[in-house]
């Protein structure tokens, strides 16, 4: 990447911040620090960053709230850090708009790889694609990033939208979880296949009566197939 990547690291543990800073310094990324949620929101309102690494358990304002407030004004990639790995926490984080979720302890190398993958995806968002895509009774407006069903705009998080867009523009093709992690998240390693399952579950809930458009191919993965 030619430009200098600016990362906001929101983490209250000094040792953890130092380990992460060292890893990103080796990649020539600029790392800015916030030690609590209040400081993070102030920085995000006044400066431009390329990605946010956000711990959940923070003083002043927790990571959930920071993520929710940030999503009101920006679609900047967000990676959430937590010592908790329960499915509910992941679902909640993704619903708030987080792009990825890394459970402590983790290797700095893994975090660097995930950041690079998300940045690649962010750069490719503007790749040429039709302004409006009709997939059965689902309409996707790629200019406004809206999913419309029966005339109603249904709210999707960034990654839910991107996964649905990818599947709906590649109809009747079966993709493994690993392929979807690569195509949508940009991961060729480190990615957790359960992340795909979590997002598929949320997408189906939002599609309602059209949830059967996304078919589970047991032992393989998923495909998008318009069914009457």
C-alpha atoms as a PDB file:
ATOM      1  CA  UNK A   1       0.000   0.000   0.000  1.00  0.00           C
ATOM      2  CA  UNK A   2       1.453   3.314  -1.089  1.00  0.00           C
ATOM      3  CA  UNK A   3      -0.250   5.673   1.335  1.00  0.00           C
ATOM      4  CA  UNK A   4       0.475   5.744   5.047  1.00  0.00           C
ATOM      5  CA  UNK A   5      -2.203   3.751   6.851  1.00  0.00           C
ATOM      6  CA  UNK A   6      -3.492   5.398  10.023  1.00  0.00           C
ATOM      7  CA  UNK A   7      -4.829   3.066  12.688  1.00  0.00           C
ATOM      8  CA  UNK A   8      -6.691   4.089  15.813  1.00  0.00           C
ATOM      9  CA  UNK A   9      -5.975   1.570  18.556  1.00  0.00           C
ATOM     10  CA  UNK A  10      -8.466   1.757  21.431  1.00  0.00           C
ATOM     11  CA  UNK A  11      -7.116  -0.392  24.248  1.00  0.00           C
ATOM     12  CA  UNK A  12      -6.703   0.290  27.974  1.00  0.00           C
ATOM     13  CA  UNK A  13      -3.972  -2.307  28.637  1.00  0.00           C
ATOM     14  CA  UNK A  14      -0.510  -0.680  28.136  1.00  0.00           C
ATOM     15  CA  UNK A  15       1.296  -3.959  27.397  1.00  0.00           C
ATOM     16  CA  UNK A  16      -1.263  -4.957  24.789  1.00  0.00           C
ATOM     17  CA  UNK A  17      -1.053  -1.531  23.131  1.00  0.00           C
ATOM     18  CA  UNK A  18       2.738  -1.764  22.975  1.00  0.00           C
ATOM     19  CA  UNK A  19       2.720  -5.235  21.383  1.00  0.00           C
ATOM     20  CA  UNK A  20       0.228  -4.135  18.745  1.00  0.00           C
ATOM     21  CA  UNK A  21       2.096  -0.890  18.034  1.00  0.00           C
ATOM     22  CA  UNK A  22       5.354  -2.780  17.466  1.00  0.00           C
ATOM     23  CA  UNK A  23       3.680  -5.162  15.017  1.00  0.00           C
ATOM     24  CA  UNK A  24       2.186  -2.347  12.957  1.00  0.00           C
ATOM     25  CA  UNK A  25       5.342  -0.250  13.057  1.00  0.00           C
ATOM     26  CA  UNK A  26       7.099  -3.082  11.204  1.00  0.00           C
ATOM     27  CA  UNK A  27       4.497  -2.660   8.452  1.00  0.00           C
ATOM     28  CA  UNK A  28       5.023   1.133   8.345  1.00  0.00           C
ATOM     29  CA  UNK A  29       1.525   1.800   9.652  1.00  0.00           C
ATOM     30  CA  UNK A  30       0.934   4.816  11.895  1.00  0.00           C
ATOM     31  CA  UNK A  31      -0.765   3.830  15.134  1.00  0.00           C
ATOM     32  CA  UNK A  32      -2.666   6.358  17.241  1.00  0.00           C
ATOM     33  CA  UNK A  33      -3.832   5.436  20.722  1.00  0.00           C
ATOM     34  CA  UNK A  34      -6.884   5.932  22.892  1.00  0.00           C
ATOM     35  CA  UNK A  35      -7.084   4.451  26.374  1.00  0.00           C
ATOM     36  CA  UNK A  36     -10.840   4.738  26.864  1.00  0.00           C
ATOM     37  CA  UNK A  37     -14.035   5.076  24.866  1.00  0.00           C
ATOM     38  CA  UNK A  38     -14.476   8.787  25.500  1.00  0.00           C
ATOM     39  CA  UNK A  39     -11.019   9.603  24.175  1.00  0.00           C
ATOM     40  CA  UNK A  40     -11.639   7.356  21.164  1.00  0.00           C
ATOM     41  CA  UNK A  41     -14.845   9.156  20.174  1.00  0.00           C
ATOM     42  CA  UNK A  42     -13.148  12.551  20.481  1.00  0.00           C
ATOM     43  CA  UNK A  43     -10.316  11.436  18.202  1.00  0.00           C
ATOM     44  CA  UNK A  44     -12.722   9.904  15.684  1.00  0.00           C
ATOM     45  CA  UNK A  45     -14.698  13.141  15.475  1.00  0.00           C
ATOM     46  CA  UNK A  46     -11.625  15.257  14.811  1.00  0.00           C
ATOM     47  CA  UNK A  47      -9.260  13.063  12.781  1.00  0.00           C
ATOM     48  CA  UNK A  48      -9.451  10.682   9.844  1.00  0.00           C
ATOM     49  CA  UNK A  49      -8.308   7.097  10.297  1.00  0.00           C
ATOM     50  CA  UNK A  50      -8.248   4.144   7.926  1.00  0.00           C
ATOM     51  CA  UNK A  51      -9.257   1.494  10.446  1.00  0.00           C
ATOM     52  CA  UNK A  52     -10.186   1.178  14.122  1.00  0.00           C
ATOM     53  CA  UNK A  53      -9.035  -1.600  16.450  1.00  0.00           C
ATOM     54  CA  UNK A  54     -11.472  -1.434  19.337  1.00  0.00           C
ATOM     55  CA  UNK A  55     -11.389  -3.254  22.663  1.00  0.00           C
ATOM     56  CA  UNK A  56     -14.795  -3.965  24.189  1.00  0.00           C
ATOM     57  CA  UNK A  57     -14.022  -3.633  27.900  1.00  0.00           C
ATOM     58  CA  UNK A  58     -13.011   0.018  28.202  1.00  0.00           C
ATOM     59  CA  UNK A  59     -13.196   2.711  30.911  1.00  0.00           C
ATOM     60  CA  UNK A  60     -15.577   5.662  30.556  1.00  0.00           C
ATOM     61  CA  UNK A  61     -17.456   4.367  27.481  1.00  0.00           C
ATOM     62  CA  UNK A  62     -17.372   0.709  26.433  1.00  0.00           C
ATOM     63  CA  UNK A  63     -16.448  -0.580  22.989  1.00  0.00           C
ATOM     64  CA  UNK A  64     -20.029  -1.515  22.124  1.00  0.00           C
ATOM     65  CA  UNK A  65     -21.094   2.118  22.512  1.00  0.00           C
ATOM     66  CA  UNK A  66     -18.094   3.440  20.585  1.00  0.00           C
ATOM     67  CA  UNK A  67     -18.899   1.077  17.719  1.00  0.00           C
ATOM     68  CA  UNK A  68     -22.559   2.081  17.696  1.00  0.00           C
ATOM     69  CA  UNK A  69     -21.777   5.813  17.715  1.00  0.00           C
ATOM     70  CA  UNK A  70     -19.102   5.485  15.050  1.00  0.00           C
ATOM     71  CA  UNK A  71     -21.454   3.628  12.717  1.00  0.00           C
ATOM     72  CA  UNK A  72     -23.815   6.607  12.781  1.00  0.00           C
ATOM     73  CA  UNK A  73     -21.222   8.731  10.982  1.00  0.00           C
ATOM     74  CA  UNK A  74     -18.765   6.412   9.230  1.00  0.00           C
ATOM     75  CA  UNK A  75     -18.334   3.023   7.540  1.00  0.00           C
ATOM     76  CA  UNK A  76     -14.639   2.824   8.497  1.00  0.00           C
ATOM     77  CA  UNK A  77     -13.544  -0.805   9.075  1.00  0.00           C
ATOM     78  CA  UNK A  78     -13.738  -1.844  12.740  1.00  0.00           C
ATOM     79  CA  UNK A  79     -12.032  -4.815  14.366  1.00  0.00           C
ATOM     80  CA  UNK A  80     -13.239  -5.530  17.886  1.00  0.00           C
ATOM     81  CA  UNK A  81     -10.934  -7.055  20.514  1.00  0.00           C
ATOM     82  CA  UNK A  82     -12.224  -9.005  23.480  1.00  0.00           C
ATOM     83  CA  UNK A  83     -11.268 -11.632  26.011  1.00  0.00           C
ATOM     84  CA  UNK A  84     -14.724 -13.103  25.572  1.00  0.00           C
ATOM     85  CA  UNK A  85     -15.512 -15.372  22.654  1.00  0.00           C
ATOM     86  CA  UNK A  86     -19.118 -16.370  23.225  1.00  0.00           C
ATOM     87  CA  UNK A  87     -21.375 -16.519  20.178  1.00  0.00           C
ATOM     88  CA  UNK A  88     -23.706 -13.873  21.646  1.00  0.00           C
ATOM     89  CA  UNK A  89     -20.851 -11.363  21.898  1.00  0.00           C
ATOM     90  CA  UNK A  90     -19.929 -11.920  18.270  1.00  0.00           C
ATOM     91  CA  UNK A  91     -23.514 -11.611  17.101  1.00  0.00           C
ATOM     92  CA  UNK A  92     -23.937  -8.398  19.064  1.00  0.00           C
ATOM     93  CA  UNK A  93     -20.689  -6.931  17.729  1.00  0.00           C
ATOM     94  CA  UNK A  94     -21.580  -7.737  14.134  1.00  0.00           C
ATOM     95  CA  UNK A  95     -25.085  -6.357  14.585  1.00  0.00           C
ATOM     96  CA  UNK A  96     -23.611  -3.054  15.789  1.00  0.00           C
ATOM     97  CA  UNK A  97     -21.557  -2.867  12.600  1.00  0.00           C
ATOM     98  CA  UNK A  98     -18.181  -4.378  13.475  1.00  0.00           C
ATOM     99  CA  UNK A  99     -16.364  -5.905  10.511  1.00  0.00           C
ATOM    100  CA  UNK A 100     -14.347  -8.456  12.433  1.00  0.00           C
ATOM    101  CA  UNK A 101     -13.874  -9.850  15.911  1.00  0.00           C
ATOM    102  CA  UNK A 102     -10.595 -11.071  17.427  1.00  0.00           C
ATOM    103  CA  UNK A 103     -10.538 -12.971  20.716  1.00  0.00           C
ATOM    104  CA  UNK A 104      -7.652 -12.522  23.143  1.00  0.00           C
ATOM    105  CA  UNK A 105      -5.059 -13.925  23.337  1.00  0.00           C
ATOM    106  CA  UNK A 106      -4.054 -13.535  19.694  1.00  0.00           C
ATOM    107  CA  UNK A 107      -0.815 -13.108  17.815  1.00  0.00           C
ATOM    108  CA  UNK A 108       0.062  -9.605  16.559  1.00  0.00           C
ATOM    109  CA  UNK A 109       0.794 -11.227  13.192  1.00  0.00           C
ATOM    110  CA  UNK A 110      -2.807 -12.435  12.984  1.00  0.00           C
ATOM    111  CA  UNK A 111      -4.117  -8.954  13.763  1.00  0.00           C
ATOM    112  CA  UNK A 112      -1.899  -7.390  11.087  1.00  0.00           C
ATOM    113  CA  UNK A 113      -3.183  -9.920   8.536  1.00  0.00           C
ATOM    114  CA  UNK A 114      -6.785  -9.161   9.408  1.00  0.00           C
ATOM    115  CA  UNK A 115      -6.218  -5.416   9.155  1.00  0.00           C
ATOM    116  CA  UNK A 116      -4.627  -5.774   5.726  1.00  0.00           C
ATOM    117  CA  UNK A 117      -7.507  -7.946   4.540  1.00  0.00           C
ATOM    118  CA  UNK A 118     -10.143  -5.452   5.671  1.00  0.00           C
ATOM    119  CA  UNK A 119      -8.275  -2.586   4.049  1.00  0.00           C
ATOM    120  CA  UNK A 120      -8.129  -4.491   0.760  1.00  0.00           C
ATOM    121  CA  UNK A 121     -11.867  -5.043   0.939  1.00  0.00           C
ATOM    122  CA  UNK A 122     -12.480  -1.361   1.679  1.00  0.00           C
ATOM    123  CA  UNK A 123     -10.397  -0.381  -1.356  1.00  0.00           C
ATOM    124  CA  UNK A 124     -12.339  -2.750  -3.599  1.00  0.00           C
ATOM    125  CA  UNK A 125     -15.798  -1.575  -2.546  1.00  0.00           C
ATOM    126  CA  UNK A 126     -15.991   0.778  -5.487  1.00  0.00           C
ATOM    127  CA  UNK A 127     -15.212  -1.914  -8.044  1.00  0.00           C
ATOM    128  CA  UNK A 128     -17.493  -1.723 -11.070  1.00  0.00           C
ATOM    129  CA  UNK A 129     -20.901  -3.259 -10.368  1.00  0.00           C
ATOM    130  CA  UNK A 130     -24.434  -2.497 -11.536  1.00  0.00           C
ATOM    131  CA  UNK A 131     -26.162   0.398  -9.765  1.00  0.00           C
ATOM    132  CA  UNK A 132     -29.184  -1.755  -9.012  1.00  0.00           C
ATOM    133  CA  UNK A 133     -29.287  -5.532  -8.709  1.00  0.00           C
ATOM    134  CA  UNK A 134     -32.555  -7.464  -8.719  1.00  0.00           C
ATOM    135  CA  UNK A 135     -32.269 -10.902  -7.169  1.00  0.00           C
ATOM    136  CA  UNK A 136     -35.731 -12.409  -7.098  1.00  0.00           C
ATOM    137  CA  UNK A 137     -37.797 -10.203  -4.802  1.00  0.00           C
ATOM    138  CA  UNK A 138     -34.707  -8.566  -3.328  1.00  0.00           C
ATOM    139  CA  UNK A 139     -33.421  -5.300  -4.795  1.00  0.00           C
ATOM    140  CA  UNK A 140     -29.917  -4.104  -3.934  1.00  0.00           C
ATOM    141  CA  UNK A 141     -28.987  -0.494  -4.635  1.00  0.00           C
ATOM    142  CA  UNK A 142     -25.184  -0.492  -4.764  1.00  0.00           C
ATOM    143  CA  UNK A 143     -24.953   3.300  -4.817  1.00  0.00           C
ATOM    144  CA  UNK A 144     -26.763   3.756  -1.516  1.00  0.00           C
ATOM    145  CA  UNK A 145     -25.824   0.271  -0.232  1.00  0.00           C
ATOM    146  CA  UNK A 146     -29.475  -0.456   0.463  1.00  0.00           C
ATOM    147  CA  UNK A 147     -31.285  -3.783   0.500  1.00  0.00           C
ATOM    148  CA  UNK A 148     -34.938  -3.286  -0.416  1.00  0.00           C
ATOM    149  CA  UNK A 149     -37.697  -5.861   0.079  1.00  0.00           C
ATOM    150  CA  UNK A 150     -41.346  -5.068  -0.685  1.00  0.00           C
ATOM    151  CA  UNK A 151     -40.432  -1.407  -0.999  1.00  0.00           C
ATOM    152  CA  UNK A 152     -38.870  -1.292   2.464  1.00  0.00           C
ATOM    153  CA  UNK A 153     -35.177  -0.590   3.079  1.00  0.00           C
ATOM    154  CA  UNK A 154     -33.815  -3.232   5.456  1.00  0.00           C
ATOM    155  CA  UNK A 155     -30.785  -2.204   7.563  1.00  0.00           C
ATOM    156  CA  UNK A 156     -27.698  -4.352   7.013  1.00  0.00           C
ATOM    157  CA  UNK A 157     -24.263  -4.026   8.563  1.00  0.00           C
ATOM    158  CA  UNK A 158     -21.326  -3.541   6.180  1.00  0.00           C
ATOM    159  CA  UNK A 159     -20.277  -7.171   6.148  1.00  0.00           C
ATOM    160  CA  UNK A 160     -23.839  -8.503   5.958  1.00  0.00           C
ATOM    161  CA  UNK A 161     -24.392  -6.272   2.937  1.00  0.00           C
ATOM    162  CA  UNK A 162     -21.153  -7.302   1.252  1.00  0.00           C
ATOM    163  CA  UNK A 163     -21.804 -11.004   1.810  1.00  0.00           C
ATOM    164  CA  UNK A 164     -25.341 -10.748   0.442  1.00  0.00           C
ATOM    165  CA  UNK A 165     -24.129  -8.709  -2.533  1.00  0.00           C
ATOM    166  CA  UNK A 166     -21.428 -11.255  -3.341  1.00  0.00           C
ATOM    167  CA  UNK A 167     -23.762 -14.239  -3.129  1.00  0.00           C
ATOM    168  CA  UNK A 168     -26.576 -12.557  -5.076  1.00  0.00           C
ATOM    169  CA  UNK A 169     -24.230 -11.566  -7.922  1.00  0.00           C
ATOM    170  CA  UNK A 170     -22.918 -15.134  -8.099  1.00  0.00           C
ATOM    171  CA  UNK A 171     -26.187 -17.007  -8.086  1.00  0.00           C
ATOM    172  CA  UNK A 172     -26.372 -20.826  -8.171  1.00  0.00           C
ATOM    173  CA  UNK A 173     -22.667 -21.150  -7.345  1.00  0.00           C
ATOM    174  CA  UNK A 174     -21.742 -23.034  -4.192  1.00  0.00           C
ATOM    175  CA  UNK A 175     -19.048 -21.361  -2.089  1.00  0.00           C
ATOM    176  CA  UNK A 176     -17.246 -22.911   0.841  1.00  0.00           C
ATOM    177  CA  UNK A 177     -16.904 -20.926   4.040  1.00  0.00           C
ATOM    178  CA  UNK A 178     -13.205 -20.548   3.318  1.00  0.00           C
ATOM    179  CA  UNK A 179     -13.942 -19.133  -0.139  1.00  0.00           C
ATOM    180  CA  UNK A 180     -16.400 -16.640   1.328  1.00  0.00           C
ATOM    181  CA  UNK A 181     -13.868 -15.570   3.943  1.00  0.00           C
ATOM    182  CA  UNK A 182     -11.425 -14.889   1.118  1.00  0.00           C
ATOM    183  CA  UNK A 183     -13.879 -13.183  -1.245  1.00  0.00           C
ATOM    184  CA  UNK A 184     -15.772 -11.058   1.300  1.00  0.00           C
ATOM    185  CA  UNK A 185     -13.341 -10.610   4.190  1.00  0.00           C
ATOM    186  CA  UNK A 186     -10.111 -10.989   2.196  1.00  0.00           C
ATOM    187  CA  UNK A 187      -8.739 -13.700   4.502  1.00  0.00           C
ATOM    188  CA  UNK A 188      -6.582 -16.449   3.055  1.00  0.00           C
ATOM    189  CA  UNK A 189      -5.633 -17.525   6.570  1.00  0.00           C
ATOM    190  CA  UNK A 190      -6.563 -16.861  10.191  1.00  0.00           C
ATOM    191  CA  UNK A 191     -10.239 -16.416   9.396  1.00  0.00           C
ATOM    192  CA  UNK A 192     -12.778 -18.320  11.488  1.00  0.00           C
ATOM    193  CA  UNK A 193     -15.349 -20.138   9.272  1.00  0.00           C
ATOM    194  CA  UNK A 194     -17.950 -19.620  12.013  1.00  0.00           C
ATOM    195  CA  UNK A 195     -17.858 -15.921  11.155  1.00  0.00           C
ATOM    196  CA  UNK A 196     -19.552 -16.800   7.859  1.00  0.00           C
ATOM    197  CA  UNK A 197     -22.208 -18.878   9.636  1.00  0.00           C
ATOM    198  CA  UNK A 198     -22.941 -16.012  12.022  1.00  0.00           C
ATOM    199  CA  UNK A 199     -23.427 -13.537   9.183  1.00  0.00           C
ATOM    200  CA  UNK A 200     -25.566 -15.953   7.150  1.00  0.00           C
ATOM    201  CA  UNK A 201     -27.815 -16.416  10.181  1.00  0.00           C
ATOM    202  CA  UNK A 202     -28.261 -12.657  10.558  1.00  0.00           C
ATOM    203  CA  UNK A 203     -28.886 -12.154   6.832  1.00  0.00           C
ATOM    204  CA  UNK A 204     -31.555 -14.858   6.778  1.00  0.00           C
ATOM    205  CA  UNK A 205     -33.319 -13.263   9.725  1.00  0.00           C
ATOM    206  CA  UNK A 206     -33.437  -9.944   7.893  1.00  0.00           C
ATOM    207  CA  UNK A 207     -34.574 -11.469   4.596  1.00  0.00           C
ATOM    208  CA  UNK A 208     -37.627 -12.968   6.308  1.00  0.00           C
ATOM    209  CA  UNK A 209     -39.761 -14.849   3.788  1.00  0.00           C
ATOM    210  CA  UNK A 210     -36.896 -14.673   1.264  1.00  0.00           C
ATOM    211  CA  UNK A 211     -34.431 -16.373   3.615  1.00  0.00           C
ATOM    212  CA  UNK A 212     -34.695 -19.543   1.514  1.00  0.00           C
ATOM    213  CA  UNK A 213     -32.787 -17.737  -1.247  1.00  0.00           C
ATOM    214  CA  UNK A 214     -29.638 -18.642   0.706  1.00  0.00           C
ATOM    215  CA  UNK A 215     -29.265 -22.409   0.670  1.00  0.00           C
ATOM    216  CA  UNK A 216     -26.993 -24.432   2.918  1.00  0.00           C
ATOM    217  CA  UNK A 217     -25.154 -27.115   0.956  1.00  0.00           C
ATOM    218  CA  UNK A 218     -24.353 -29.537   3.745  1.00  0.00           C
ATOM    219  CA  UNK A 219     -20.701 -30.419   4.076  1.00  0.00           C
ATOM    220  CA  UNK A 220     -19.710 -27.701   1.590  1.00  0.00           C
ATOM    221  CA  UNK A 221     -21.018 -24.188   2.203  1.00  0.00           C
ATOM    222  CA  UNK A 222     -23.676 -21.837   0.831  1.00  0.00           C
ATOM    223  CA  UNK A 223     -25.249 -20.670  -2.421  1.00  0.00           C
ATOM    224  CA  UNK A 224     -27.762 -18.018  -3.448  1.00  0.00           C
ATOM    225  CA  UNK A 225     -30.646 -19.412  -5.446  1.00  0.00           C
ATOM    226  CA  UNK A 226     -33.838 -17.547  -6.255  1.00  0.00           C
ATOM    227  CA  UNK A 227     -36.809 -19.726  -5.342  1.00  0.00           C
ATOM    228  CA  UNK A 228     -40.453 -19.059  -6.062  1.00  0.00           C
END
